[in-house]
């Protein structure tokens, strides 16, 4: 055969291979490749995820329905199981019981946490691992790490994060809780609202005003034991979703803690919290991936078996085309999560990109679960269906850890399009 005809033969072989692949695709449902083939994951990441999935399947998922109905789960029991297996300190220092791995391994764990059949428990774990302890691990003293970080990594302690207040949820700069210096102590007065893990927490990573300097230099992060006199945990807040996580208002009335409980430098708490937010927002994106995938997969299964007008719901072009669109959105979110994590572990400030991840995850949490619930019909409006739980739980993604509008404001600030506020005397 002449050299000129060889490309034609090669093309013919390629077409036959593609035709064979197409036949295989047509015979099965959508399935992604193994985690170790993704851009930021290796076989070590995949093995870590498989190990966590075994724990989830054995010690968590069989009990989720009962915990959701009871509207609480045993945080100390679950956290101790995870702590014993090393999953509460994947990227934390080895000196304090962590595995000392880079943040991509923590993201792999967060992604697998999305296999839990509710949003409450992943959120509670995320509060401990990616919201209450990152600043302590990076900036805290050895003594604070020994006292609060090490037992949190072991699963002996449950942590909560005290940022939001009734009048200042996403606006961290406007918090009113104050920690006044009194000799070697701080005396804390104020209130924190919507605190996840509050009723079961052993300590709180709290942000409070500690001086009268400019607003961004007056805040400190403080480790506050939750059993101190003057701390009152109000009744649990009844939420529309995330039922098994405890969420409460916490008040502080002349609560005394040592000044040495301040994480890092006094007055640097606002900056530390902004850094801490990067991991919180990446957590939101990573854990959303399998939640959103479950919404799509369960809807495809239900629509395939639900008959209407002489055929299955899934047979209608508007339905299977919509599922394809939603799957595309999930893969776009996945790609962005991995890209941002890749930059983060190289030391880049990924604040704008992490904000985009958080924004997109929240928007998709609403769009995908709402679209899927529609195809379940009346069953989708029933509390007993998985899609209704996903619909309720995913709504929080657009609110917690900074609302969509806050993410947009951050992006506009980086883009140079955010209007400057006029001063009162202008």
Protein backbone atom coordinates (compact mmCIF):
# COMPACT_ATOMS: atom_id res chain seq x y z
CA UNK A 1 0.00 0.00 0.00
CA UNK A 2 1.32 3.43 -0.90
CA UNK A 3 2.16 5.94 1.74
CA UNK A 4 -0.61 8.21 0.44
CA UNK A 5 -3.25 5.59 1.27
CA UNK A 6 -1.94 4.81 4.76
CA UNK A 7 -3.71 7.76 6.51
CA UNK A 8 -7.00 6.54 5.01
CA UNK A 9 -6.47 3.08 6.50
CA UNK A 10 -5.50 4.64 9.86
CA UNK A 11 -8.61 6.80 9.76
CA UNK A 12 -10.71 3.74 9.00
CA UNK A 13 -9.29 1.96 12.07
CA UNK A 14 -9.98 5.00 14.19
CA UNK A 15 -13.59 5.13 12.99
CA UNK A 16 -14.09 1.47 13.86
CA UNK A 17 -12.70 2.07 17.36
CA UNK A 18 -14.95 5.09 17.82
CA UNK A 19 -17.96 3.10 16.60
CA UNK A 20 -17.16 0.38 19.13
CA UNK A 21 -16.81 2.98 21.89
CA UNK A 22 -20.10 4.55 20.83
CA UNK A 23 -21.82 1.17 21.15
CA UNK A 24 -20.41 0.77 24.66
CA UNK A 25 -21.55 4.26 25.64
CA UNK A 26 -25.05 3.54 24.37
CA UNK A 27 -25.25 0.42 26.53
CA UNK A 28 -24.58 2.08 29.87
CA UNK A 29 -25.35 5.17 31.90
CA UNK A 30 -23.04 8.15 32.26
CA UNK A 31 -19.97 7.38 34.32
CA UNK A 32 -16.84 9.40 34.95
CA UNK A 33 -13.37 7.94 34.88
CA UNK A 34 -11.40 6.98 37.98
CA UNK A 35 -10.35 9.79 40.32
CA UNK A 36 -6.67 8.98 39.77
CA UNK A 37 -7.02 10.07 36.15
CA UNK A 38 -8.15 13.59 37.06
CA UNK A 39 -5.78 16.53 36.75
CA UNK A 40 -4.98 17.06 40.43
CA UNK A 41 -5.48 13.49 41.68
CA UNK A 42 -3.13 10.52 41.78
CA UNK A 43 -3.72 6.92 42.78
CA UNK A 44 -2.92 8.00 46.35
CA UNK A 45 -5.83 10.45 46.23
CA UNK A 46 -8.11 7.77 44.81
CA UNK A 47 -7.10 5.32 47.53
CA UNK A 48 -7.81 7.92 50.21
CA UNK A 49 -11.27 8.48 48.72
CA UNK A 50 -11.99 4.75 48.58
CA UNK A 51 -10.98 4.35 52.22
CA UNK A 52 -13.28 7.16 53.27
CA UNK A 53 -16.12 5.73 51.20
CA UNK A 54 -15.88 2.46 53.17
CA UNK A 55 -16.35 4.38 56.42
CA UNK A 56 -19.25 6.34 54.95
CA UNK A 57 -20.96 3.18 53.71
CA UNK A 58 -20.47 1.36 57.04
CA UNK A 59 -20.69 3.98 59.77
CA UNK A 60 -22.64 6.92 58.36
CA UNK A 61 -25.04 6.30 55.47
CA UNK A 62 -26.98 3.43 57.13
CA UNK A 63 -27.97 5.86 59.90
CA UNK A 64 -28.54 9.08 57.95
CA UNK A 65 -32.31 8.68 57.57
CA UNK A 66 -32.76 8.15 61.31
CA UNK A 67 -30.50 11.11 62.14
CA UNK A 68 -32.35 13.34 59.70
CA UNK A 69 -35.68 12.36 61.21
CA UNK A 70 -34.38 12.94 64.72
CA UNK A 71 -32.76 16.20 63.54
CA UNK A 72 -29.41 15.47 65.14
CA UNK A 73 -26.43 13.18 64.69
CA UNK A 74 -23.78 12.03 67.21
CA UNK A 75 -20.96 14.34 66.17
CA UNK A 76 -18.43 13.05 68.72
CA UNK A 77 -18.99 9.44 67.63
CA UNK A 78 -18.74 10.18 63.91
CA UNK A 79 -15.80 12.55 64.31
CA UNK A 80 -13.90 10.03 66.42
CA UNK A 81 -14.28 7.38 63.72
CA UNK A 82 -13.02 9.84 61.11
CA UNK A 83 -10.26 11.10 63.39
CA UNK A 84 -8.96 7.61 64.09
CA UNK A 85 -8.69 7.06 60.34
CA UNK A 86 -6.85 10.36 59.79
CA UNK A 87 -9.59 12.16 57.86
CA UNK A 88 -9.85 15.21 60.14
CA UNK A 89 -6.26 16.34 59.60
CA UNK A 90 -5.33 15.37 56.06
CA UNK A 91 -3.47 18.63 55.34
CA UNK A 92 -2.69 19.51 58.95
CA UNK A 93 0.83 19.30 60.49
CA UNK A 94 2.13 15.85 61.39
CA UNK A 95 3.37 17.24 64.73
CA UNK A 96 -0.24 17.61 65.86
CA UNK A 97 -1.58 14.34 64.46
CA UNK A 98 -2.26 15.39 60.88
CA UNK A 99 -1.13 13.60 57.74
CA UNK A 100 0.85 16.60 56.47
CA UNK A 101 -0.40 16.24 52.88
CA UNK A 102 -1.07 19.12 50.52
CA UNK A 103 -4.52 20.64 50.21
CA UNK A 104 -5.43 18.61 47.12
CA UNK A 105 -5.79 15.57 49.40
CA UNK A 106 -8.16 17.49 51.65
CA UNK A 107 -10.22 18.40 48.58
CA UNK A 108 -10.33 14.73 47.57
CA UNK A 109 -11.71 13.92 51.02
CA UNK A 110 -14.22 16.77 50.77
CA UNK A 111 -15.38 15.53 47.39
CA UNK A 112 -15.93 12.05 48.81
CA UNK A 113 -17.85 13.50 51.75
CA UNK A 114 -20.45 14.34 49.12
CA UNK A 115 -21.22 10.59 49.10
CA UNK A 116 -22.97 11.03 52.46
CA UNK A 117 -26.71 10.91 51.84
CA UNK A 118 -27.43 14.35 53.29
CA UNK A 119 -25.76 17.75 53.41
CA UNK A 120 -25.78 18.12 57.20
CA UNK A 121 -22.93 15.80 58.13
CA UNK A 122 -20.48 16.93 55.42
CA UNK A 123 -21.17 20.50 56.49
CA UNK A 124 -20.50 19.70 60.16
CA UNK A 125 -17.22 18.01 59.22
CA UNK A 126 -16.31 20.89 56.92
CA UNK A 127 -16.82 23.38 59.74
CA UNK A 128 -14.21 21.55 61.79
CA UNK A 129 -11.67 20.83 59.06
CA UNK A 130 -11.95 23.75 56.63
CA UNK A 131 -13.49 26.58 58.64
CA UNK A 132 -12.54 26.48 62.32
CA UNK A 133 -8.99 25.07 62.19
CA UNK A 134 -7.10 26.36 59.08
CA UNK A 135 -6.06 29.65 60.73
CA UNK A 136 -5.13 27.85 63.95
CA UNK A 137 -2.95 25.41 61.99
CA UNK A 138 -1.24 28.22 60.04
CA UNK A 139 -0.86 30.97 62.64
CA UNK A 140 -1.59 29.56 66.10
CA UNK A 141 0.99 29.11 68.85
CA UNK A 142 2.32 25.68 69.73
CA UNK A 143 0.35 25.79 72.97
CA UNK A 144 -2.94 26.54 71.19
CA UNK A 145 -2.31 23.82 68.64
CA UNK A 146 -1.64 21.30 71.39
CA UNK A 147 -4.76 22.36 73.28
CA UNK A 148 -7.28 22.74 70.44
CA UNK A 149 -5.92 21.54 67.08
CA UNK A 150 -4.50 18.16 68.12
CA UNK A 151 -7.70 16.90 69.82
CA UNK A 152 -9.75 18.21 66.90
CA UNK A 153 -7.62 16.20 64.47
CA UNK A 154 -8.00 13.10 66.66
CA UNK A 155 -11.76 13.56 66.74
CA UNK A 156 -11.80 14.03 70.50
CA UNK A 157 -13.05 17.61 70.10
CA UNK A 158 -15.84 19.03 67.97
CA UNK A 159 -15.21 22.59 66.80
CA UNK A 160 -17.50 25.38 65.64
CA UNK A 161 -16.86 28.70 63.92
CA UNK A 162 -18.14 31.95 65.45
CA UNK A 163 -18.30 34.60 62.73
CA UNK A 164 -21.92 35.39 61.84
CA UNK A 165 -24.10 37.58 64.03
CA UNK A 166 -27.75 38.57 63.77
CA UNK A 167 -26.92 41.92 62.16
CA UNK A 168 -23.76 40.91 60.33
CA UNK A 169 -23.88 37.57 58.55
CA UNK A 170 -21.64 37.88 55.51
CA UNK A 171 -20.29 41.32 56.55
CA UNK A 172 -17.45 40.26 58.83
CA UNK A 173 -16.20 43.83 59.27
CA UNK A 174 -19.41 44.88 61.06
CA UNK A 175 -19.42 42.29 63.86
CA UNK A 176 -20.33 43.61 67.31
CA UNK A 177 -18.96 40.90 69.62
CA UNK A 178 -16.14 42.40 71.65
CA UNK A 179 -13.27 40.91 73.67
CA UNK A 180 -12.00 43.54 76.10
CA UNK A 181 -8.50 43.20 77.58
CA UNK A 182 -8.39 42.73 81.35
CA UNK A 183 -4.83 42.08 82.44
CA UNK A 184 -3.78 38.74 80.97
CA UNK A 185 -7.36 37.88 80.05
CA UNK A 186 -10.04 38.83 77.56
CA UNK A 187 -13.63 39.40 78.63
CA UNK A 188 -16.02 38.53 75.81
CA UNK A 189 -19.50 39.98 75.39
CA UNK A 190 -21.75 39.54 72.41
CA UNK A 191 -23.69 37.02 70.38
CA UNK A 192 -23.03 34.64 67.51
CA UNK A 193 -25.81 33.40 65.27
CA UNK A 194 -26.41 30.37 62.98
CA UNK A 195 -23.53 28.46 64.56
CA UNK A 196 -23.17 24.94 63.15
CA UNK A 197 -22.10 22.30 65.71
CA UNK A 198 -22.81 24.75 68.56
CA UNK A 199 -24.71 22.34 70.81
CA UNK A 200 -22.02 19.64 70.59
CA UNK A 201 -18.90 21.80 70.20
CA UNK A 202 -16.02 21.68 72.65
CA UNK A 203 -14.53 24.95 71.41
CA UNK A 204 -15.22 27.84 69.07
CA UNK A 205 -12.90 29.67 66.70
CA UNK A 206 -14.39 33.12 67.26
CA UNK A 207 -13.75 36.45 65.60
CA UNK A 208 -14.25 39.44 67.90
CA UNK A 209 -13.20 43.08 68.15
CA UNK A 210 -10.20 43.40 70.46
CA UNK A 211 -9.08 47.02 69.92
CA UNK A 212 -10.26 50.40 68.60
CA UNK A 213 -8.10 50.55 65.48
CA UNK A 214 -9.39 50.64 61.90
CA UNK A 215 -12.09 48.05 61.25
CA UNK A 216 -9.80 45.61 59.41
CA UNK A 217 -7.10 45.84 62.13
CA UNK A 218 -9.34 45.59 65.17
CA UNK A 219 -10.48 41.97 64.94
CA UNK A 220 -8.84 38.86 66.40
CA UNK A 221 -9.49 35.13 66.10
CA UNK A 222 -9.81 33.53 69.53
CA UNK A 223 -10.05 29.91 70.71
CA UNK A 224 -12.95 29.82 73.15
CA UNK A 225 -13.79 26.66 75.15
CA UNK A 226 -17.56 26.17 75.06
CA UNK A 227 -17.93 25.07 78.70
CA UNK A 228 -16.95 28.41 80.24
CA UNK A 229 -19.24 30.36 82.60
CA UNK A 230 -21.24 33.00 80.75
CA UNK A 231 -21.78 31.01 77.55
CA UNK A 232 -25.40 30.25 76.75
CA UNK A 233 -26.43 28.05 73.83
CA UNK A 234 -29.99 28.90 72.84
CA UNK A 235 -32.52 26.46 71.46
CA UNK A 236 -31.66 24.85 68.15
CA UNK A 237 -32.75 26.76 65.08
CA UNK A 238 -35.36 24.86 63.08
CA UNK A 239 -34.13 24.95 59.47
CA UNK A 240 -35.78 24.08 56.15
CA UNK A 241 -32.86 21.80 55.35
CA UNK A 242 -29.64 20.39 56.83
CA UNK A 243 -31.90 18.80 59.44
CA UNK A 244 -29.43 16.61 61.33
CA UNK A 245 -26.89 19.37 61.95
CA UNK A 246 -27.36 21.41 65.09
CA UNK A 247 -27.47 25.16 64.52
CA UNK A 248 -27.89 27.56 67.41
CA UNK A 249 -27.49 31.09 68.68
CA UNK A 250 -24.68 31.46 71.24
CA UNK A 251 -24.44 34.37 73.68
CA UNK A 252 -21.40 35.48 75.68
CA UNK A 253 -21.84 37.36 78.94
CA UNK A 254 -18.54 38.39 80.55
CA UNK A 255 -16.84 35.21 79.34
CA UNK A 256 -13.22 35.22 80.47
CA UNK A 257 -10.44 33.56 78.40
CA UNK A 258 -6.65 34.02 78.48
CA UNK A 259 -5.25 36.56 75.99
CA UNK A 260 -2.91 33.74 74.92
CA UNK A 261 -5.96 32.14 73.26
CA UNK A 262 -5.70 34.69 70.46
CA UNK A 263 -4.61 32.97 67.24
CA UNK A 264 -1.49 34.59 65.83
CA UNK A 265 -1.22 38.36 66.10
CA UNK A 266 -3.78 40.41 67.96
CA UNK A 267 -5.75 42.50 65.45
CA UNK A 268 -4.95 40.23 62.49
CA UNK A 269 -8.12 38.18 62.79
CA UNK A 270 -9.91 39.77 59.84
CA UNK A 271 -7.01 38.91 57.54
CA UNK A 272 -6.78 35.37 58.96
CA UNK A 273 -10.51 34.87 58.44
CA UNK A 274 -10.30 36.04 54.82
CA UNK A 275 -7.54 33.46 54.25
CA UNK A 276 -9.61 30.84 56.05
CA UNK A 277 -12.56 31.64 53.76
CA UNK A 278 -10.62 30.37 50.74
CA UNK A 279 -10.66 26.80 52.05
CA UNK A 280 -14.27 27.13 53.19
CA UNK A 281 -15.37 28.16 49.70
CA UNK A 282 -13.38 25.42 48.01
CA UNK A 283 -14.98 22.99 50.44
CA UNK A 284 -18.41 24.14 49.24
CA UNK A 285 -17.47 23.48 45.63
CA UNK A 286 -15.85 20.10 46.25
CA UNK A 287 -18.64 18.65 48.40
CA UNK A 288 -21.28 19.89 45.95
CA UNK A 289 -19.94 17.70 43.13
CA UNK A 290 -21.30 14.34 44.29
CA UNK A 291 -24.43 15.91 45.75
CA UNK A 292 -25.29 17.38 42.35
CA UNK A 293 -24.30 14.16 40.60
CA UNK A 294 -26.64 12.23 42.88
CA UNK A 295 -29.46 14.60 41.99
CA UNK A 296 -28.92 13.93 38.28
CA UNK A 297 -28.39 10.16 38.59
CA UNK A 298 -31.39 9.60 40.86
CA UNK A 299 -33.57 11.70 38.57
CA UNK A 300 -32.50 9.76 35.49
CA UNK A 301 -33.35 6.49 37.25
CA UNK A 302 -36.72 7.79 38.43
CA UNK A 303 -37.64 9.39 35.08
CA UNK A 304 -36.67 6.22 33.21
CA UNK A 305 -39.13 4.16 35.26
CA UNK A 306 -41.93 6.71 35.52
CA UNK A 307 -44.50 6.30 32.76
CA UNK A 308 -46.44 9.15 31.21
CA UNK A 309 -48.35 9.43 27.92
CA UNK A 310 -47.36 5.95 26.82
CA UNK A 311 -43.64 6.20 27.51
CA UNK A 312 -41.11 7.04 30.21
CA UNK A 313 -40.56 10.62 31.34
CA UNK A 314 -36.91 10.24 30.32
CA UNK A 315 -37.88 9.46 26.72
CA UNK A 316 -39.08 13.01 26.22
CA UNK A 317 -36.40 15.04 24.47
CA UNK A 318 -36.88 18.01 26.78
CA UNK A 319 -36.00 15.77 29.73
CA UNK A 320 -32.97 13.88 28.47
CA UNK A 321 -31.60 17.04 26.82
CA UNK A 322 -31.99 18.87 30.13
CA UNK A 323 -30.14 16.10 31.96
CA UNK A 324 -27.29 16.46 29.47
CA UNK A 325 -27.17 20.22 30.07
CA UNK A 326 -27.08 19.76 33.83
CA UNK A 327 -24.35 17.12 33.58
CA UNK A 328 -22.29 19.57 31.56
CA UNK A 329 -22.67 22.18 34.31
CA UNK A 330 -21.43 19.72 36.94
CA UNK A 331 -18.35 18.91 34.87
CA UNK A 332 -17.62 22.61 34.39
CA UNK A 333 -17.78 23.10 38.16
CA UNK A 334 -15.52 20.08 38.67
CA UNK A 335 -12.94 21.48 36.26
CA UNK A 336 -12.95 24.84 38.01
CA UNK A 337 -12.59 23.29 41.47
CA UNK A 338 -9.58 21.30 40.31
CA UNK A 339 -8.02 24.28 38.56
CA UNK A 340 -8.34 26.53 41.62
CA UNK A 341 -6.99 23.85 43.96
CA UNK A 342 -4.02 23.37 41.63
CA UNK A 343 -3.20 27.07 41.93
CA UNK A 344 -3.86 27.14 45.68
CA UNK A 345 -1.38 24.37 46.50
CA UNK A 346 1.23 26.33 44.52
CA UNK A 347 0.79 29.24 46.91
CA UNK A 348 -1.37 31.57 44.83
CA UNK A 349 -4.03 33.87 46.26
CA UNK A 350 -7.14 32.29 44.75
CA UNK A 351 -9.69 34.54 46.46
CA UNK A 352 -11.47 35.59 43.24
CA UNK A 353 -11.44 32.09 41.76
CA UNK A 354 -12.56 30.47 45.03
CA UNK A 355 -15.36 33.02 45.15
CA UNK A 356 -16.37 31.98 41.63
CA UNK A 357 -16.39 28.34 42.71
CA UNK A 358 -18.60 29.17 45.70
CA UNK A 359 -20.92 31.29 43.56
CA UNK A 360 -21.26 28.64 40.86
CA UNK A 361 -21.75 25.80 43.35
CA UNK A 362 -24.54 27.71 45.05
CA UNK A 363 -26.24 28.61 41.78
CA UNK A 364 -26.03 25.02 40.54
CA UNK A 365 -27.31 23.73 43.87
CA UNK A 366 -30.48 25.68 43.19
CA UNK A 367 -30.73 25.13 39.44
CA UNK A 368 -29.97 21.41 39.28
CA UNK A 369 -32.01 20.24 42.25
CA UNK A 370 -34.96 22.41 41.21
CA UNK A 371 -34.88 21.13 37.62
CA UNK A 372 -34.54 17.53 38.79
CA UNK A 373 -37.28 17.78 41.39
CA UNK A 374 -39.69 18.90 38.66
CA UNK A 375 -39.31 15.58 36.84
CA UNK A 376 -40.21 13.67 40.00
CA UNK A 377 -43.65 15.27 40.00
CA UNK A 378 -45.61 14.85 43.22
CA UNK A 379 -42.99 12.44 44.61
CA UNK A 380 -40.43 15.25 44.40
CA UNK A 381 -42.57 17.34 46.74
CA UNK A 382 -42.60 14.51 49.27
CA UNK A 383 -40.14 14.78 52.15
CA UNK A 384 -39.31 11.08 51.87
CA UNK A 385 -37.67 11.35 48.43
CA UNK A 386 -33.91 11.86 48.09
CA UNK A 387 -34.39 14.70 45.64
CA UNK A 388 -36.39 16.73 48.15
CA UNK A 389 -33.56 16.37 50.69
CA UNK A 390 -30.99 17.43 48.10
CA UNK A 391 -33.22 20.36 47.14
CA UNK A 392 -33.49 21.52 50.77
CA UNK A 393 -29.88 20.95 51.75
CA UNK A 394 -28.25 22.49 48.68
CA UNK A 395 -30.09 25.78 49.17
CA UNK A 396 -27.68 26.73 51.94
CA UNK A 397 -24.68 26.77 49.59
CA UNK A 398 -25.77 30.16 48.24
CA UNK A 399 -26.05 31.58 51.78
CA UNK A 400 -23.51 30.04 54.18
CA UNK A 401 -19.87 31.10 54.04
CA UNK A 402 -20.76 34.27 52.18
CA UNK A 403 -23.93 34.83 50.18
CA UNK A 404 -23.93 34.94 46.37
CA UNK A 405 -24.07 38.71 46.52
CA UNK A 406 -20.92 38.82 48.66
CA UNK A 407 -19.12 36.59 46.15
CA UNK A 408 -20.20 38.95 43.35
CA UNK A 409 -18.97 41.97 45.33
CA UNK A 410 -15.58 40.30 45.84
CA UNK A 411 -15.33 39.60 42.13
CA UNK A 412 -16.33 43.15 41.22
CA UNK A 413 -13.67 44.47 43.62
CA UNK A 414 -10.99 42.39 41.91
CA UNK A 415 -12.31 43.44 38.50
CA UNK A 416 -12.24 47.12 39.46
CA UNK A 417 -15.97 47.59 38.84
CA UNK A 418 -17.22 47.92 42.42
CA UNK A 419 -18.43 51.49 43.09
CA UNK A 420 -16.66 53.33 45.89
CA UNK A 421 -18.87 54.15 48.84
CA UNK A 422 -19.31 57.88 49.36
CA UNK A 423 -18.26 59.28 52.71
CA UNK A 424 -20.87 61.03 54.80
CA UNK A 425 -19.16 64.42 54.47
CA UNK A 426 -18.86 64.21 50.66
